């Protein structure tokens, strides 16, 4: 299934967000009310202060792991019913 097919199915199922009587409009309204009043940024401890203006610069961190570790991680993913990506993130 392509993403475009999924979006068409979802629109058929949930309706149009512009229709106030649709399921999607009700869901959007629910989340607007639920999330209303939350701060833009949660204050969590960081190792450096947030910049006054976002630079949108990113960075890359490279690493390597052995073929044996890769094989073991794939086995773990398969046994867990997860993807290798999910195991690596966990």
N, C-alpha and C. Protein backbone atom coordinates (compact mmCIF):
# COMPACT_ATOMS: atom_id res chain seq x y z
N UNK A 1 0.85 -1.18 0.00
CA UNK A 1 0.00 0.00 0.00
C UNK A 1 0.89 1.24 0.00
N UNK A 2 0.61 2.13 -0.89
CA UNK A 2 1.33 3.39 -0.95
C UNK A 2 0.70 4.39 0.03
N UNK A 3 1.47 5.37 0.45
CA UNK A 3 0.98 6.35 1.40
C UNK A 3 -0.26 7.07 0.85
N UNK A 4 -0.23 7.39 -0.44
CA UNK A 4 -1.38 8.08 -1.04
C UNK A 4 -2.65 7.24 -0.92
N UNK A 5 -2.52 5.93 -1.11
CA UNK A 5 -3.69 5.04 -0.96
C UNK A 5 -4.21 5.07 0.47
N UNK A 6 -3.27 5.08 1.43
CA UNK A 6 -3.66 5.14 2.84
C UNK A 6 -4.43 6.43 3.14
N UNK A 7 -3.94 7.54 2.61
CA UNK A 7 -4.61 8.81 2.88
C UNK A 7 -6.01 8.84 2.28
N UNK A 8 -6.17 8.24 1.10
CA UNK A 8 -7.50 8.18 0.49
C UNK A 8 -8.44 7.31 1.33
N UNK A 9 -7.93 6.16 1.80
CA UNK A 9 -8.73 5.29 2.66
C UNK A 9 -9.11 6.02 3.95
N UNK A 10 -8.15 6.71 4.53
CA UNK A 10 -8.41 7.43 5.77
C UNK A 10 -9.47 8.51 5.56
N UNK A 11 -9.38 9.20 4.45
CA UNK A 11 -10.37 10.26 4.18
C UNK A 11 -11.76 9.66 4.00
N UNK A 12 -11.82 8.51 3.31
CA UNK A 12 -13.12 7.84 3.15
C UNK A 12 -13.67 7.41 4.51
N UNK A 13 -12.81 6.93 5.38
CA UNK A 13 -13.24 6.43 6.68
C UNK A 13 -13.61 7.56 7.64
N UNK A 14 -12.76 8.60 7.69
CA UNK A 14 -12.93 9.65 8.70
C UNK A 14 -13.62 10.90 8.20
N UNK A 15 -13.71 11.07 6.89
CA UNK A 15 -14.36 12.26 6.35
C UNK A 15 -13.39 13.41 6.16
N UNK A 16 -13.95 14.55 5.86
CA UNK A 16 -13.18 15.75 5.58
C UNK A 16 -13.08 16.60 6.83
N UNK A 17 -11.90 17.09 7.11
CA UNK A 17 -11.69 17.91 8.31
C UNK A 17 -12.52 19.20 8.25
N UNK A 18 -12.87 19.64 7.06
CA UNK A 18 -13.69 20.85 6.90
C UNK A 18 -15.16 20.61 7.24
N UNK A 19 -15.57 19.35 7.28
CA UNK A 19 -16.96 19.00 7.62
C UNK A 19 -17.05 18.89 9.14
N UNK A 20 -17.76 19.81 9.82
CA UNK A 20 -17.80 19.79 11.28
C UNK A 20 -18.46 18.54 11.87
N UNK A 21 -19.16 17.76 11.06
CA UNK A 21 -19.83 16.56 11.54
C UNK A 21 -19.03 15.29 11.26
N UNK A 22 -17.86 15.43 10.68
CA UNK A 22 -17.05 14.25 10.35
C UNK A 22 -16.30 13.74 11.57
N UNK A 23 -15.89 12.48 11.48
CA UNK A 23 -15.11 11.86 12.56
C UNK A 23 -13.77 12.56 12.74
N UNK A 24 -13.12 12.91 11.65
CA UNK A 24 -11.81 13.56 11.75
C UNK A 24 -11.92 14.94 12.40
N UNK A 25 -12.99 15.66 12.10
CA UNK A 25 -13.18 16.97 12.73
C UNK A 25 -13.37 16.81 14.24
N UNK A 26 -14.08 15.77 14.65
CA UNK A 26 -14.28 15.51 16.08
C UNK A 26 -12.95 15.15 16.75
N UNK A 27 -12.13 14.36 16.06
CA UNK A 27 -10.83 14.00 16.62
C UNK A 27 -9.90 15.20 16.73
N UNK A 28 -9.89 16.03 15.70
CA UNK A 28 -9.05 17.23 15.74
C UNK A 28 -9.50 18.14 16.88
N UNK A 29 -10.79 18.31 17.05
CA UNK A 29 -11.30 19.15 18.14
C UNK A 29 -10.94 18.58 19.50
N UNK A 30 -11.04 17.26 19.64
CA UNK A 30 -10.66 16.60 20.89
C UNK A 30 -9.22 16.93 21.25
N UNK A 31 -8.30 16.77 20.28
CA UNK A 31 -6.89 17.02 20.57
C UNK A 31 -6.59 18.49 20.78
N UNK A 32 -7.31 19.36 20.10
CA UNK A 32 -7.13 20.80 20.36
C UNK A 32 -7.48 21.12 21.81
N UNK A 33 -8.59 20.57 22.28
CA UNK A 33 -9.01 20.82 23.67
C UNK A 33 -8.07 20.14 24.67
N UNK A 34 -7.67 18.92 24.37
CA UNK A 34 -6.80 18.18 25.27
C UNK A 34 -5.43 18.84 25.41
N UNK A 35 -4.90 19.36 24.33
CA UNK A 35 -3.56 19.95 24.33
C UNK A 35 -3.56 21.45 24.58
N UNK A 36 -4.72 22.05 24.71
CA UNK A 36 -4.80 23.50 24.93
C UNK A 36 -4.10 23.87 26.23
N UNK A 37 -3.35 24.94 26.18
CA UNK A 37 -2.71 25.45 27.38
C UNK A 37 -1.36 24.82 27.69
N UNK A 38 -0.93 23.84 26.89
CA UNK A 38 0.38 23.26 27.13
C UNK A 38 1.46 24.25 26.70
N UNK A 39 2.61 24.22 27.35
CA UNK A 39 3.68 25.14 26.96
C UNK A 39 4.26 24.76 25.60
N UNK A 40 4.84 25.75 24.92
CA UNK A 40 5.47 25.48 23.63
C UNK A 40 6.68 24.58 23.80
N UNK A 41 7.38 24.72 24.91
CA UNK A 41 8.56 23.92 25.17
C UNK A 41 8.52 23.46 26.62
N UNK A 42 8.77 22.18 26.82
CA UNK A 42 8.83 21.64 28.18
C UNK A 42 10.22 21.91 28.73
N UNK A 43 10.28 22.40 29.93
CA UNK A 43 11.57 22.67 30.55
C UNK A 43 12.18 21.38 31.07
N UNK A 44 13.16 20.89 30.37
CA UNK A 44 13.89 19.71 30.77
C UNK A 44 15.36 20.08 30.95
N UNK A 45 16.05 19.39 31.82
CA UNK A 45 17.47 19.71 31.97
C UNK A 45 18.23 19.39 30.68
N UNK A 46 19.09 20.29 30.27
CA UNK A 46 19.89 20.10 29.06
C UNK A 46 21.34 20.37 29.39
N UNK A 47 22.22 19.97 28.47
CA UNK A 47 23.64 20.20 28.70
C UNK A 47 24.08 21.58 28.22
N UNK A 48 23.18 22.29 27.55
CA UNK A 48 23.48 23.67 27.13
C UNK A 48 22.17 24.41 26.95
N UNK A 49 22.18 25.72 27.06
CA UNK A 49 20.92 26.47 26.93
C UNK A 49 20.41 26.47 25.49
N UNK A 50 19.10 26.62 25.36
CA UNK A 50 18.50 26.76 24.03
C UNK A 50 18.91 28.11 23.45
N UNK A 51 19.21 28.16 22.16
CA UNK A 51 19.53 29.46 21.55
C UNK A 51 18.30 30.35 21.48
N UNK A 52 18.50 31.64 21.47
CA UNK A 52 17.39 32.57 21.35
C UNK A 52 16.69 32.42 20.01
N UNK A 53 17.48 32.15 18.96
CA UNK A 53 16.94 31.96 17.61
C UNK A 53 17.45 30.62 17.11
N UNK A 54 16.54 29.77 16.64
CA UNK A 54 16.92 28.45 16.14
C UNK A 54 17.77 28.58 14.88
N UNK A 55 18.85 27.82 14.82
CA UNK A 55 19.72 27.86 13.65
C UNK A 55 19.34 26.80 12.62
N UNK A 56 18.64 25.77 13.04
CA UNK A 56 18.23 24.66 12.20
C UNK A 56 19.42 23.91 11.61
N UNK A 57 20.58 24.05 12.24
CA UNK A 57 21.74 23.28 11.81
C UNK A 57 21.65 21.89 12.42
N UNK A 58 22.02 20.92 11.66
CA UNK A 58 22.05 19.56 12.16
C UNK A 58 23.47 19.05 12.21
N UNK A 59 23.62 17.83 12.57
CA UNK A 59 24.93 17.22 12.64
C UNK A 59 24.77 15.73 12.38
N UNK A 60 25.87 15.07 12.14
CA UNK A 60 25.89 13.65 11.88
C UNK A 60 26.83 12.98 12.86
N UNK A 61 26.40 11.86 13.38
CA UNK A 61 27.26 11.05 14.23
C UNK A 61 27.38 9.69 13.56
N UNK A 62 28.58 9.32 13.20
CA UNK A 62 28.81 8.04 12.53
C UNK A 62 29.30 7.01 13.53
N UNK A 63 28.93 5.76 13.31
CA UNK A 63 29.42 4.67 14.14
C UNK A 63 29.36 3.40 13.31
N UNK A 64 30.05 2.40 13.77
CA UNK A 64 30.03 1.09 13.12
C UNK A 64 29.83 0.03 14.17
N UNK A 65 29.18 -1.07 13.78
CA UNK A 65 29.13 -2.22 14.65
C UNK A 65 29.51 -3.45 13.84
N UNK A 66 29.90 -4.46 14.54
CA UNK A 66 30.42 -5.67 13.88
C UNK A 66 29.29 -6.43 13.18
N UNK A 67 29.70 -7.28 12.23
CA UNK A 67 28.73 -8.12 11.53
C UNK A 67 28.03 -9.06 12.51
N UNK A 68 28.77 -9.54 13.51
CA UNK A 68 28.19 -10.43 14.51
C UNK A 68 27.10 -9.71 15.31
N UNK A 69 27.38 -8.48 15.74
CA UNK A 69 26.38 -7.72 16.48
C UNK A 69 25.16 -7.46 15.61
N UNK A 70 25.37 -7.14 14.35
CA UNK A 70 24.26 -6.90 13.42
C UNK A 70 23.39 -8.14 13.31
N UNK A 71 24.02 -9.29 13.16
CA UNK A 71 23.26 -10.54 13.06
C UNK A 71 22.47 -10.80 14.33
N UNK A 72 23.07 -10.58 15.48
CA UNK A 72 22.37 -10.80 16.75
C UNK A 72 21.21 -9.82 16.92
N UNK A 73 21.40 -8.58 16.50
CA UNK A 73 20.31 -7.60 16.59
C UNK A 73 19.16 -7.96 15.65
N UNK A 74 19.49 -8.43 14.46
CA UNK A 74 18.44 -8.88 13.54
C UNK A 74 17.66 -10.06 14.12
N UNK A 75 18.39 -10.99 14.77
CA UNK A 75 17.72 -12.13 15.42
C UNK A 75 16.78 -11.64 16.52
N UNK A 76 17.26 -10.71 17.32
CA UNK A 76 16.42 -10.16 18.39
C UNK A 76 15.18 -9.49 17.81
N UNK A 77 15.37 -8.72 16.75
CA UNK A 77 14.22 -8.05 16.11
C UNK A 77 13.21 -9.07 15.61
N UNK A 78 13.70 -10.11 14.95
CA UNK A 78 12.81 -11.15 14.41
C UNK A 78 12.05 -11.84 15.54
N UNK A 79 12.76 -12.19 16.63
CA UNK A 79 12.12 -12.86 17.76
C UNK A 79 11.09 -11.96 18.44
N UNK A 80 11.32 -10.67 18.41
CA UNK A 80 10.44 -9.71 19.08
C UNK A 80 9.31 -9.22 18.19
N UNK A 81 9.34 -9.60 16.92
CA UNK A 81 8.33 -9.10 15.99
C UNK A 81 8.50 -7.62 15.70
N UNK A 82 9.75 -7.18 15.72
CA UNK A 82 10.06 -5.76 15.51
C UNK A 82 11.03 -5.62 14.35
N UNK A 83 11.22 -4.40 13.91
CA UNK A 83 12.22 -4.14 12.88
C UNK A 83 13.57 -3.87 13.54
N UNK A 84 14.63 -3.98 12.75
CA UNK A 84 15.96 -3.66 13.26
C UNK A 84 16.01 -2.20 13.71
N UNK A 85 15.33 -1.33 12.98
CA UNK A 85 15.26 0.08 13.36
C UNK A 85 14.67 0.25 14.75
N UNK A 86 13.58 -0.47 15.03
CA UNK A 86 12.94 -0.37 16.35
C UNK A 86 13.86 -0.89 17.45
N UNK A 87 14.56 -1.99 17.18
CA UNK A 87 15.48 -2.54 18.19
C UNK A 87 16.61 -1.55 18.45
N UNK A 88 17.18 -0.99 17.39
CA UNK A 88 18.29 -0.04 17.56
C UNK A 88 17.82 1.20 18.34
N UNK A 89 16.62 1.66 18.10
CA UNK A 89 16.11 2.82 18.83
C UNK A 89 15.83 2.49 20.29
N UNK A 90 15.37 1.27 20.53
CA UNK A 90 15.08 0.87 21.91
C UNK A 90 16.37 0.76 22.70
